[in-house]
Amino acid sequence: MLRVDGLCYSYGRTAVLESLSFSVDAGQCIVLAGPNGCGKSTALSLIAGALKHKSGTIRHDGRLGYIPQGTALFEDATVAENLRFFAGLAGCDVPSSLPFSVEAYQKRRVSDLSGGMKKQVSIACALVGDPDLILLDEPCAALDITFRDEMTALVKKWKSAGKTVVYVGHDPAEFREFFDTLLFLGRPPQSFSRDAAFADDPSAFGEFFRTQLNFINRK
């Protein structure tokens, strides 16, 4: 469960988030969408505690796992060493089964991995503590469709396990199959259910998504 109420944040004199409020129940996924600079990544950073909010409240149940846009990995260390480090922070052991079959290349140095493999390792590191709330900031950006399909299956698995997911993405095809609420960070923010966003029809959903973005950009 996650509850955000009246969240505000500014970079200098530029207000990025103004009284943002939303909630997500266990077993649900909310997608934060909107044009570049609207505060999507900032919102995730605030929820994760990487940034300190100026006002408002953030409440959530249990442990938190955060996957930022980049990677927070130690490039000169092996995959196994990174996993052990993040497991230590979470106070647990590295699970024997990892997402994306990351265990198959644990001995490889992170600096030798492709961008997609690094993203997979980042996700695995964020999950070692079996978090109840999972924050994903554009996990599929610039990655192939196979990774996107694996990500879709993983999010569905998390939801079935009762986890709460907050997902930031630009491509509606990434998250159409698994989101429950779509929140556009315009001024004011606009929230839509799956039915209201025509999510069961790929073509209609894509058109709906583009229309909402264009509406925000015109403001």
Protein backbone atom coordinates (compact mmCIF):
# COMPACT_ATOMS: atom_id res chain seq x y z
CA MET A 1 0.00 0.00 0.00
CA LEU A 2 1.16 3.52 -0.82
CA ARG A 3 -0.45 6.83 0.10
CA VAL A 4 0.87 10.16 -1.20
CA ASP A 5 -0.87 13.33 -0.03
CA GLY A 6 -0.12 16.95 -0.94
CA LEU A 7 3.42 16.24 -2.15
CA CYS A 8 5.36 19.34 -3.25
CA TYR A 9 8.87 19.77 -4.60
CA SER A 10 10.84 22.51 -6.33
CA TYR A 11 14.24 22.78 -7.97
CA GLY A 12 15.26 26.27 -6.93
CA ARG A 13 12.37 28.51 -7.87
CA THR A 14 10.92 26.04 -10.35
CA ALA A 15 8.01 24.06 -8.92
CA VAL A 16 8.01 20.50 -10.26
CA LEU A 17 5.32 18.92 -8.11
CA GLU A 18 2.46 20.89 -6.63
CA SER A 19 0.26 19.09 -4.10
CA LEU A 20 0.46 15.66 -5.76
CA SER A 21 -1.87 13.12 -4.17
CA PHE A 22 -2.61 9.51 -5.09
CA SER A 23 -2.93 6.08 -3.52
CA VAL A 24 -2.21 2.51 -4.61
CA ASP A 25 -3.41 -0.61 -2.86
CA ALA A 26 -1.53 -3.87 -2.45
CA GLY A 27 -1.63 -5.96 -5.62
CA GLN A 28 -2.13 -2.87 -7.79
CA CYS A 29 0.02 -0.93 -10.26
CA ILE A 30 -0.16 2.79 -10.93
CA VAL A 31 1.62 4.30 -13.94
CA LEU A 32 2.90 7.87 -13.75
CA ALA A 33 2.89 9.46 -17.20
CA GLY A 34 3.37 12.85 -18.77
CA PRO A 35 5.84 14.91 -20.81
CA ASN A 36 9.51 15.27 -19.93
CA GLY A 37 10.03 17.49 -16.91
CA CYS A 38 6.58 16.99 -15.39
CA GLY A 39 7.99 15.39 -12.23
CA LYS A 40 7.62 11.64 -12.76
CA SER A 41 11.17 10.71 -11.78
CA THR A 42 11.15 13.32 -9.02
CA ALA A 43 8.03 11.72 -7.54
CA LEU A 44 9.72 8.30 -7.47
CA SER A 45 12.86 9.76 -5.89
CA LEU A 46 10.75 11.39 -3.18
CA ILE A 47 8.85 8.18 -2.45
CA ALA A 48 12.13 6.26 -2.32
CA GLY A 49 13.65 8.81 0.05
CA ALA A 50 16.41 9.78 -2.38
CA LEU A 51 15.04 13.35 -2.23
CA LYS A 52 13.44 15.07 0.75
CA HIS A 53 9.98 16.49 0.08
CA LYS A 54 9.22 20.09 1.01
CA SER A 55 5.67 19.39 2.14
CA GLY A 56 3.10 16.63 2.06
CA THR A 57 3.12 13.07 3.37
CA ILE A 58 4.26 9.69 2.02
CA ARG A 59 3.16 6.49 3.71
CA HIS A 60 3.72 2.90 2.63
CA ASP A 61 3.69 -0.60 4.06
CA GLY A 62 6.74 -2.83 4.35
CA ARG A 63 10.01 -2.75 2.44
CA LEU A 64 10.70 -0.65 -0.62
CA GLY A 65 12.62 -1.53 -3.80
CA TYR A 66 13.68 1.30 -6.14
CA ILE A 67 14.96 0.92 -9.70
CA PRO A 68 16.06 4.36 -11.01
CA GLN A 69 16.55 5.27 -14.68
CA GLY A 70 20.27 4.68 -14.55
CA THR A 71 22.02 1.97 -12.60
CA ALA A 72 23.25 2.19 -9.02
CA LEU A 73 25.69 -0.67 -9.52
CA PHE A 74 29.40 -0.94 -8.74
CA GLU A 75 30.89 -1.17 -12.22
CA ASP A 76 34.21 -2.70 -11.13
CA ALA A 77 32.55 -5.41 -9.06
CA THR A 78 30.99 -8.65 -10.25
CA VAL A 79 27.27 -9.23 -10.46
CA ALA A 80 27.50 -11.55 -7.44
CA GLU A 81 29.34 -8.91 -5.41
CA ASN A 82 26.67 -6.34 -6.23
CA LEU A 83 23.92 -8.74 -5.25
CA ARG A 84 25.61 -9.52 -1.93
CA PHE A 85 26.05 -5.81 -1.20
CA PHE A 86 22.37 -4.99 -1.76
CA ALA A 87 21.30 -8.11 0.13
CA GLY A 88 23.41 -6.89 3.06
CA LEU A 89 21.63 -3.53 3.00
CA ALA A 90 18.31 -5.37 3.08
CA GLY A 91 19.50 -7.68 5.87
CA CYS A 92 18.95 -10.87 3.90
CA ASP A 93 20.69 -13.50 1.79
CA VAL A 94 20.79 -13.46 -2.01
CA PRO A 95 17.86 -15.57 -3.28
CA SER A 96 18.74 -18.70 -5.26
CA SER A 97 16.31 -17.71 -8.01
CA LEU A 98 16.65 -14.25 -9.55
CA PRO A 99 14.61 -12.41 -12.20
CA PHE A 100 15.81 -12.55 -15.81
CA SER A 101 18.03 -15.55 -14.89
CA VAL A 102 20.65 -13.11 -13.58
CA GLU A 103 22.25 -15.98 -11.63
CA ALA A 104 23.63 -17.28 -14.95
CA TYR A 105 26.20 -14.47 -15.18
CA GLN A 106 26.95 -13.70 -11.53
CA LYS A 107 30.70 -14.07 -12.07
CA ARG A 108 30.85 -11.39 -14.76
CA ARG A 109 32.02 -7.87 -14.01
CA VAL A 110 29.27 -5.27 -14.33
CA SER A 111 31.41 -3.07 -16.61
CA ASP A 112 31.46 -5.92 -19.15
CA LEU A 113 27.67 -6.18 -19.38
CA SER A 114 25.38 -4.67 -22.00
CA GLY A 115 22.95 -1.91 -21.06
CA GLY A 116 20.06 -4.36 -20.98
CA MET A 117 21.92 -6.79 -18.75
CA LYS A 118 22.86 -3.99 -16.35
CA LYS A 119 19.19 -3.03 -16.10
CA GLN A 120 18.33 -6.65 -15.32
CA VAL A 121 20.97 -6.75 -12.57
CA SER A 122 19.68 -3.44 -11.15
CA ILE A 123 16.19 -4.89 -10.89
CA ALA A 124 17.51 -8.09 -9.31
CA CYS A 125 19.48 -6.06 -6.74
CA ALA A 126 16.41 -4.00 -5.85
CA LEU A 127 14.39 -7.18 -5.31
CA VAL A 128 16.77 -9.17 -3.10
CA GLY A 129 14.96 -8.01 0.04
CA ASP A 130 11.54 -9.08 -1.32
CA PRO A 131 10.08 -5.54 -1.16
CA ASP A 132 6.37 -4.86 -0.74
CA LEU A 133 6.51 -1.59 -2.72
CA ILE A 134 8.41 -1.54 -6.04
CA LEU A 135 9.29 1.71 -7.85
CA LEU A 136 10.32 1.44 -11.51
CA ASP A 137 11.60 4.46 -13.45
CA GLU A 138 11.44 3.72 -17.19
CA PRO A 139 12.81 0.18 -16.86
CA CYS A 140 12.29 -0.61 -20.56
CA ALA A 141 13.78 2.58 -22.04
CA ALA A 142 15.87 1.81 -25.16
CA LEU A 143 15.63 -1.95 -24.54
CA ASP A 144 14.31 -4.66 -26.87
CA ILE A 145 10.83 -6.17 -26.97
CA THR A 146 11.99 -9.42 -25.34
CA PHE A 147 12.99 -7.50 -22.22
CA ARG A 148 9.67 -5.66 -22.30
CA ASP A 149 7.76 -8.95 -22.41
CA GLU A 150 9.80 -10.29 -19.49
CA MET A 151 9.14 -7.09 -17.56
CA THR A 152 5.41 -7.42 -18.19
CA ALA A 153 5.40 -10.98 -16.86
CA LEU A 154 7.38 -9.89 -13.81
CA VAL A 155 5.02 -7.03 -12.92
CA LYS A 156 2.03 -9.36 -13.25
CA LYS A 157 3.77 -11.81 -10.91
CA TRP A 158 4.40 -9.04 -8.36
CA LYS A 159 0.76 -7.99 -8.46
CA SER A 160 -0.39 -11.58 -7.94
CA ALA A 161 1.90 -11.72 -4.90
CA GLY A 162 0.18 -8.66 -3.42
CA LYS A 163 2.97 -6.17 -4.08
CA THR A 164 2.36 -2.49 -4.85
CA VAL A 165 3.97 -1.19 -8.06
CA VAL A 166 4.62 2.39 -9.20
CA TYR A 167 5.79 2.48 -12.81
CA VAL A 168 7.07 5.41 -14.86
CA GLY A 169 6.98 4.97 -18.63
CA HIS A 170 6.61 6.82 -21.94
CA ASP A 171 5.50 4.02 -24.26
CA PRO A 172 1.91 2.86 -23.59
CA ALA A 173 2.70 -0.54 -25.10
CA GLU A 174 5.05 -1.18 -22.16
CA PHE A 175 2.42 -1.09 -19.46
CA ARG A 176 -0.96 -1.53 -21.16
CA GLU A 177 -1.31 -5.14 -20.00
CA PHE A 178 -0.67 -4.63 -16.30
CA PHE A 179 -1.57 -1.14 -15.07
CA ASP A 180 -4.62 -0.50 -12.89
CA THR A 181 -4.46 3.30 -12.71
CA LEU A 182 -2.91 5.77 -15.14
CA LEU A 183 -1.94 9.11 -13.59
CA PHE A 184 -0.93 11.95 -15.92
CA LEU A 185 1.14 14.53 -14.07
CA GLY A 186 -0.40 17.60 -15.63
CA ARG A 187 -1.68 20.63 -13.76
CA PRO A 188 -3.85 19.39 -12.24
CA PRO A 189 -2.97 15.68 -12.38
CA GLN A 190 -5.58 13.46 -14.06
CA SER A 191 -6.21 9.85 -13.03
CA PHE A 192 -7.83 7.16 -15.19
CA SER A 193 -8.84 3.56 -14.58
CA ARG A 194 -8.16 0.79 -17.12
CA ASP A 195 -11.72 1.00 -18.42
CA ALA A 196 -11.65 4.78 -18.75
CA ALA A 197 -8.38 4.57 -20.70
CA PHE A 198 -9.67 1.83 -23.07
CA ALA A 199 -6.76 -0.38 -21.98
CA ASP A 200 -8.23 -3.59 -23.38
CA ASP A 201 -8.02 -2.19 -26.93
CA PRO A 202 -4.36 -1.54 -27.91
CA SER A 203 -5.24 0.92 -30.67
CA ALA A 204 -7.79 2.87 -28.64
CA PHE A 205 -5.48 2.97 -25.64
CA GLY A 206 -2.59 4.31 -27.72
CA GLU A 207 -4.81 7.05 -29.12
CA PHE A 208 -6.14 7.91 -25.66
CA PHE A 209 -2.60 8.14 -24.28
CA ARG A 210 -1.42 10.44 -27.07
CA THR A 211 -4.50 12.65 -26.72
CA GLN A 212 -3.87 13.14 -23.01
CA LEU A 213 -0.21 13.99 -23.59
CA ASN A 214 -1.12 16.52 -26.27
CA PHE A 215 -3.66 18.09 -23.91
CA ILE A 216 -1.02 18.50 -21.19
CA ASN A 217 1.52 19.92 -23.65
CA ARG A 218 -0.95 22.57 -24.82
CA LYS A 219 -1.46 23.90 -21.29
